Amino acid sequence: QSIPSYALSVFVAPEGILEKIQSMISRMWWSGKDKSRGWNRMAWDRVCFLKGMGGLGFRDLRRFNVALLGRQVWRLACCKDTLCFKVLRAKYFPESDVFCPKRVDKPSFTWNSIARAACILHEGFGLNVGNGRKINIWQENW
């Protein structure tokens, strides 16, 4: 599963490209040759399960792409003294955080990828209430 990890960690890959890579991997796995059709021994979604769950541990490329981009989002949320954070904050989220960016006319492809991953991640976040003083009930996902 040698795939272009750097490109997936910076950009959201198009669905068509990921499907083509996935089909090439599955074709090689099932048939042993690039063009011929082989006998499916296990459904592809089961192959992508973890080994402990009965799968073979292959990566689902869409989830892998979002996970690698999520690492960039995490760095923007935590490492606020980097040059990358300062440049992106000045243009895309000057008054808030990476999860609430402002709209710009022509954002870069890299920023679009990071913003899309941040949106996907933000939907899955929960809220740690604590004492409740720092919760904005109008903007938080509760």
C-alpha atoms as a PDB file:
ATOM      1  CA  GLN A   1       0.000   0.000   0.000  1.00  0.00           C
ATOM      2  CA  SER A   2       2.674   2.425  -1.008  1.00  0.00           C
ATOM      3  CA  ILE A   3       0.553   5.479  -1.784  1.00  0.00           C
ATOM      4  CA  PRO A   4       1.479   9.151  -2.101  1.00  0.00           C
ATOM      5  CA  SER A   5       1.089   9.968   1.585  1.00  0.00           C
ATOM      6  CA  TYR A   6       2.546  13.468   1.353  1.00  0.00           C
ATOM      7  CA  ALA A   7       0.041  14.558  -1.282  1.00  0.00           C
ATOM      8  CA  LEU A   8      -2.811  13.066   0.759  1.00  0.00           C
ATOM      9  CA  SER A   9      -1.628  14.941   3.853  1.00  0.00           C
ATOM     10  CA  VAL A  10      -1.773  18.301   2.067  1.00  0.00           C
ATOM     11  CA  PHE A  11      -4.643  18.022  -0.422  1.00  0.00           C
ATOM     12  CA  VAL A  12      -8.083  16.436  -0.565  1.00  0.00           C
ATOM     13  CA  ALA A  13      -7.799  13.864  -3.320  1.00  0.00           C
ATOM     14  CA  PRO A  14     -10.651  13.748  -5.850  1.00  0.00           C
ATOM     15  CA  GLU A  15     -13.059  10.831  -5.507  1.00  0.00           C
ATOM     16  CA  GLY A  16     -12.233   9.543  -8.976  1.00  0.00           C
ATOM     17  CA  ILE A  17      -8.521   9.296  -8.214  1.00  0.00           C
ATOM     18  CA  LEU A  18      -9.142   7.498  -4.930  1.00  0.00           C
ATOM     19  CA  GLU A  19     -11.539   5.057  -6.606  1.00  0.00           C
ATOM     20  CA  LYS A  20      -9.000   4.342  -9.333  1.00  0.00           C
ATOM     21  CA  ILE A  21      -6.211   3.687  -6.808  1.00  0.00           C
ATOM     22  CA  GLN A  22      -8.559   1.533  -4.731  1.00  0.00           C
ATOM     23  CA  SER A  23      -9.594  -0.493  -7.787  1.00  0.00           C
ATOM     24  CA  MET A  24      -5.950  -1.038  -8.780  1.00  0.00           C
ATOM     25  CA  ILE A  25      -5.151  -2.275  -5.266  1.00  0.00           C
ATOM     26  CA  SER A  26      -8.146  -4.593  -5.203  1.00  0.00           C
ATOM     27  CA  ARG A  27      -7.404  -5.902  -8.706  1.00  0.00           C
ATOM     28  CA  MET A  28      -3.824  -6.717  -7.725  1.00  0.00           C
ATOM     29  CA  TRP A  29      -5.006  -8.343  -4.504  1.00  0.00           C
ATOM     30  CA  TRP A  30      -7.711 -10.496  -6.039  1.00  0.00           C
ATOM     31  CA  SER A  31      -6.145 -11.555  -9.342  1.00  0.00           C
ATOM     32  CA  GLY A  32      -2.388 -11.163  -8.932  1.00  0.00           C
ATOM     33  CA  LYS A  33      -2.253  -9.523 -12.380  1.00  0.00           C
ATOM     34  CA  ASP A  34      -3.101  -5.988 -13.366  1.00  0.00           C
ATOM     35  CA  LYS A  35      -5.792  -6.624 -16.026  1.00  0.00           C
ATOM     36  CA  SER A  36      -7.386 -10.005 -15.360  1.00  0.00           C
ATOM     37  CA  ARG A  37     -10.370 -10.539 -13.105  1.00  0.00           C
ATOM     38  CA  GLY A  38      -9.948 -12.879 -10.189  1.00  0.00           C
ATOM     39  CA  TRP A  39     -12.094 -14.569  -7.615  1.00  0.00           C
ATOM     40  CA  ASN A  40     -13.180 -12.302  -4.710  1.00  0.00           C
ATOM     41  CA  ARG A  41     -12.283 -14.037  -1.500  1.00  0.00           C
ATOM     42  CA  MET A  42     -13.635 -11.321   0.799  1.00  0.00           C
ATOM     43  CA  ALA A  43     -15.712  -8.172   0.306  1.00  0.00           C
ATOM     44  CA  TRP A  44     -13.581  -5.039  -0.024  1.00  0.00           C
ATOM     45  CA  ASP A  45     -15.190  -3.281   2.946  1.00  0.00           C
ATOM     46  CA  ARG A  46     -14.248  -6.305   5.100  1.00  0.00           C
ATOM     47  CA  VAL A  47     -10.673  -6.177   3.776  1.00  0.00           C
ATOM     48  CA  CYS A  48     -10.432  -2.597   5.071  1.00  0.00           C
ATOM     49  CA  PHE A  49     -11.341  -3.644   8.643  1.00  0.00           C
ATOM     50  CA  LEU A  50      -8.589  -3.804  11.225  1.00  0.00           C
ATOM     51  CA  LYS A  51      -6.888  -7.157  11.611  1.00  0.00           C
ATOM     52  CA  GLY A  52      -8.327  -7.543  15.110  1.00  0.00           C
ATOM     53  CA  MET A  53     -11.821  -7.150  13.654  1.00  0.00           C
ATOM     54  CA  GLY A  54     -11.399  -9.882  11.049  1.00  0.00           C
ATOM     55  CA  GLY A  55     -10.111  -7.777   8.161  1.00  0.00           C
ATOM     56  CA  LEU A  56      -6.732  -7.503   6.515  1.00  0.00           C
ATOM     57  CA  GLY A  57      -5.920  -3.969   7.664  1.00  0.00           C
ATOM     58  CA  PHE A  58      -5.997  -2.281   4.247  1.00  0.00           C
ATOM     59  CA  ARG A  59      -6.614   1.433   4.365  1.00  0.00           C
ATOM     60  CA  ASP A  60      -9.810   3.052   3.188  1.00  0.00           C
ATOM     61  CA  LEU A  61      -8.208   5.843   1.174  1.00  0.00           C
ATOM     62  CA  ARG A  62     -10.950   8.450   1.794  1.00  0.00           C
ATOM     63  CA  ARG A  63     -10.646   8.036   5.569  1.00  0.00           C
ATOM     64  CA  PHE A  64      -6.858   7.944   5.330  1.00  0.00           C
ATOM     65  CA  ASN A  65      -6.910  11.230   3.403  1.00  0.00           C
ATOM     66  CA  VAL A  66      -9.128  12.903   6.004  1.00  0.00           C
ATOM     67  CA  ALA A  67      -6.962  11.525   8.837  1.00  0.00           C
ATOM     68  CA  LEU A  68      -3.787  12.958   7.312  1.00  0.00           C
ATOM     69  CA  LEU A  69      -5.464  16.307   6.742  1.00  0.00           C
ATOM     70  CA  GLY A  70      -6.809  16.141  10.301  1.00  0.00           C
ATOM     71  CA  ARG A  71      -3.221  16.133  11.472  1.00  0.00           C
ATOM     72  CA  GLN A  72      -2.726  19.492   9.719  1.00  0.00           C
ATOM     73  CA  VAL A  73      -5.896  20.810  11.372  1.00  0.00           C
ATOM     74  CA  TRP A  74      -4.637  19.628  14.763  1.00  0.00           C
ATOM     75  CA  ARG A  75      -1.317  21.422  14.218  1.00  0.00           C
ATOM     76  CA  LEU A  76      -3.176  24.632  13.342  1.00  0.00           C
ATOM     77  CA  ALA A  77      -5.318  24.265  16.468  1.00  0.00           C
ATOM     78  CA  CYS A  78      -2.418  23.525  18.836  1.00  0.00           C
ATOM     79  CA  CYS A  79       0.824  25.009  17.479  1.00  0.00           C
ATOM     80  CA  LYS A  80       0.062  28.714  17.334  1.00  0.00           C
ATOM     81  CA  ASP A  81       3.664  29.939  17.148  1.00  0.00           C
ATOM     82  CA  THR A  82       4.502  28.497  13.722  1.00  0.00           C
ATOM     83  CA  LEU A  83       4.880  30.588  10.591  1.00  0.00           C
ATOM     84  CA  CYS A  84       2.290  28.466   8.788  1.00  0.00           C
ATOM     85  CA  PHE A  85      -0.287  29.193  11.518  1.00  0.00           C
ATOM     86  CA  LYS A  86       0.423  32.924  11.439  1.00  0.00           C
ATOM     87  CA  VAL A  87       0.119  33.171   7.659  1.00  0.00           C
ATOM     88  CA  LEU A  88      -3.068  31.094   7.429  1.00  0.00           C
ATOM     89  CA  ARG A  89      -4.646  32.857  10.406  1.00  0.00           C
ATOM     90  CA  ALA A  90      -3.996  36.298   8.921  1.00  0.00           C
ATOM     91  CA  LYS A  91      -5.841  35.399   5.737  1.00  0.00           C
ATOM     92  CA  TYR A  92      -8.467  32.792   6.624  1.00  0.00           C
ATOM     93  CA  PHE A  93      -9.410  32.974  10.317  1.00  0.00           C
ATOM     94  CA  PRO A  94      -8.189  36.272  11.850  1.00  0.00           C
ATOM     95  CA  GLU A  95     -10.787  36.544  14.630  1.00  0.00           C
ATOM     96  CA  SER A  96     -11.523  32.911  15.458  1.00  0.00           C
ATOM     97  CA  ASP A  97      -9.962  29.481  15.129  1.00  0.00           C
ATOM     98  CA  VAL A  98      -9.424  27.043  12.259  1.00  0.00           C
ATOM     99  CA  PHE A  99     -12.931  25.607  12.745  1.00  0.00           C
ATOM    100  CA  CYS A 100     -14.695  28.934  12.056  1.00  0.00           C
ATOM    101  CA  PRO A 101     -12.898  30.508   9.071  1.00  0.00           C
ATOM    102  CA  LYS A 102     -14.107  33.593   7.254  1.00  0.00           C
ATOM    103  CA  ARG A 103     -15.212  33.450   3.610  1.00  0.00           C
ATOM    104  CA  VAL A 104     -12.649  34.609   1.063  1.00  0.00           C
ATOM    105  CA  ASP A 105     -13.041  34.975  -2.700  1.00  0.00           C
ATOM    106  CA  LYS A 106     -10.238  32.759  -3.991  1.00  0.00           C
ATOM    107  CA  PRO A 107      -8.852  30.485  -1.274  1.00  0.00           C
ATOM    108  CA  SER A 108      -5.877  28.290  -2.080  1.00  0.00           C
ATOM    109  CA  PHE A 109      -6.374  24.620  -2.880  1.00  0.00           C
ATOM    110  CA  THR A 110      -4.403  23.727   0.247  1.00  0.00           C
ATOM    111  CA  TRP A 111      -6.658  25.856   2.434  1.00  0.00           C
ATOM    112  CA  ASN A 112      -9.780  24.363   0.831  1.00  0.00           C
ATOM    113  CA  SER A 113      -8.460  20.907   1.720  1.00  0.00           C
ATOM    114  CA  ILE A 114      -7.680  21.874   5.316  1.00  0.00           C
ATOM    115  CA  ALA A 115     -11.041  23.628   5.728  1.00  0.00           C
ATOM    116  CA  ARG A 116     -12.928  20.606   4.380  1.00  0.00           C
ATOM    117  CA  ALA A 117     -11.102  18.293   6.799  1.00  0.00           C
ATOM    118  CA  ALA A 118     -11.767  20.728   9.672  1.00  0.00           C
ATOM    119  CA  CYS A 119     -15.475  20.681   8.810  1.00  0.00           C
ATOM    120  CA  ILE A 120     -15.558  16.864   8.777  1.00  0.00           C
ATOM    121  CA  LEU A 121     -13.684  16.711  12.078  1.00  0.00           C
ATOM    122  CA  HIS A 122     -15.797  19.410  13.725  1.00  0.00           C
ATOM    123  CA  GLU A 123     -18.980  17.449  13.015  1.00  0.00           C
ATOM    124  CA  GLY A 124     -17.609  14.535  15.024  1.00  0.00           C
ATOM    125  CA  PHE A 125     -16.392  16.548  18.018  1.00  0.00           C
ATOM    126  CA  GLY A 126     -18.084  16.457  21.382  1.00  0.00           C
ATOM    127  CA  LEU A 127     -18.091  19.159  24.009  1.00  0.00           C
ATOM    128  CA  ASN A 128     -16.247  19.068  27.314  1.00  0.00           C
ATOM    129  CA  VAL A 129     -18.409  21.231  29.552  1.00  0.00           C
ATOM    130  CA  GLY A 130     -16.254  21.641  32.653  1.00  0.00           C
ATOM    131  CA  ASN A 131     -17.716  24.514  34.680  1.00  0.00           C
ATOM    132  CA  GLY A 132     -19.591  25.923  31.649  1.00  0.00           C
ATOM    133  CA  ARG A 133     -18.096  29.428  31.713  1.00  0.00           C
ATOM    134  CA  LYS A 134     -16.291  29.180  28.374  1.00  0.00           C
ATOM    135  CA  ILE A 135     -19.138  27.701  26.339  1.00  0.00           C
ATOM    136  CA  ASN A 136     -20.726  29.866  23.680  1.00  0.00           C
ATOM    137  CA  ILE A 137     -24.170  28.299  23.328  1.00  0.00           C
ATOM    138  CA  TRP A 138     -24.798  30.067  20.007  1.00  0.00           C
ATOM    139  CA  GLN A 139     -21.694  28.749  18.174  1.00  0.00           C
ATOM    140  CA  GLU A 140     -20.668  25.501  19.888  1.00  0.00           C
ATOM    141  CA  ASN A 141     -21.702  22.111  18.540  1.00  0.00           C
ATOM    142  CA  TRP A 142     -23.805  20.873  21.487  1.00  0.00           C
END
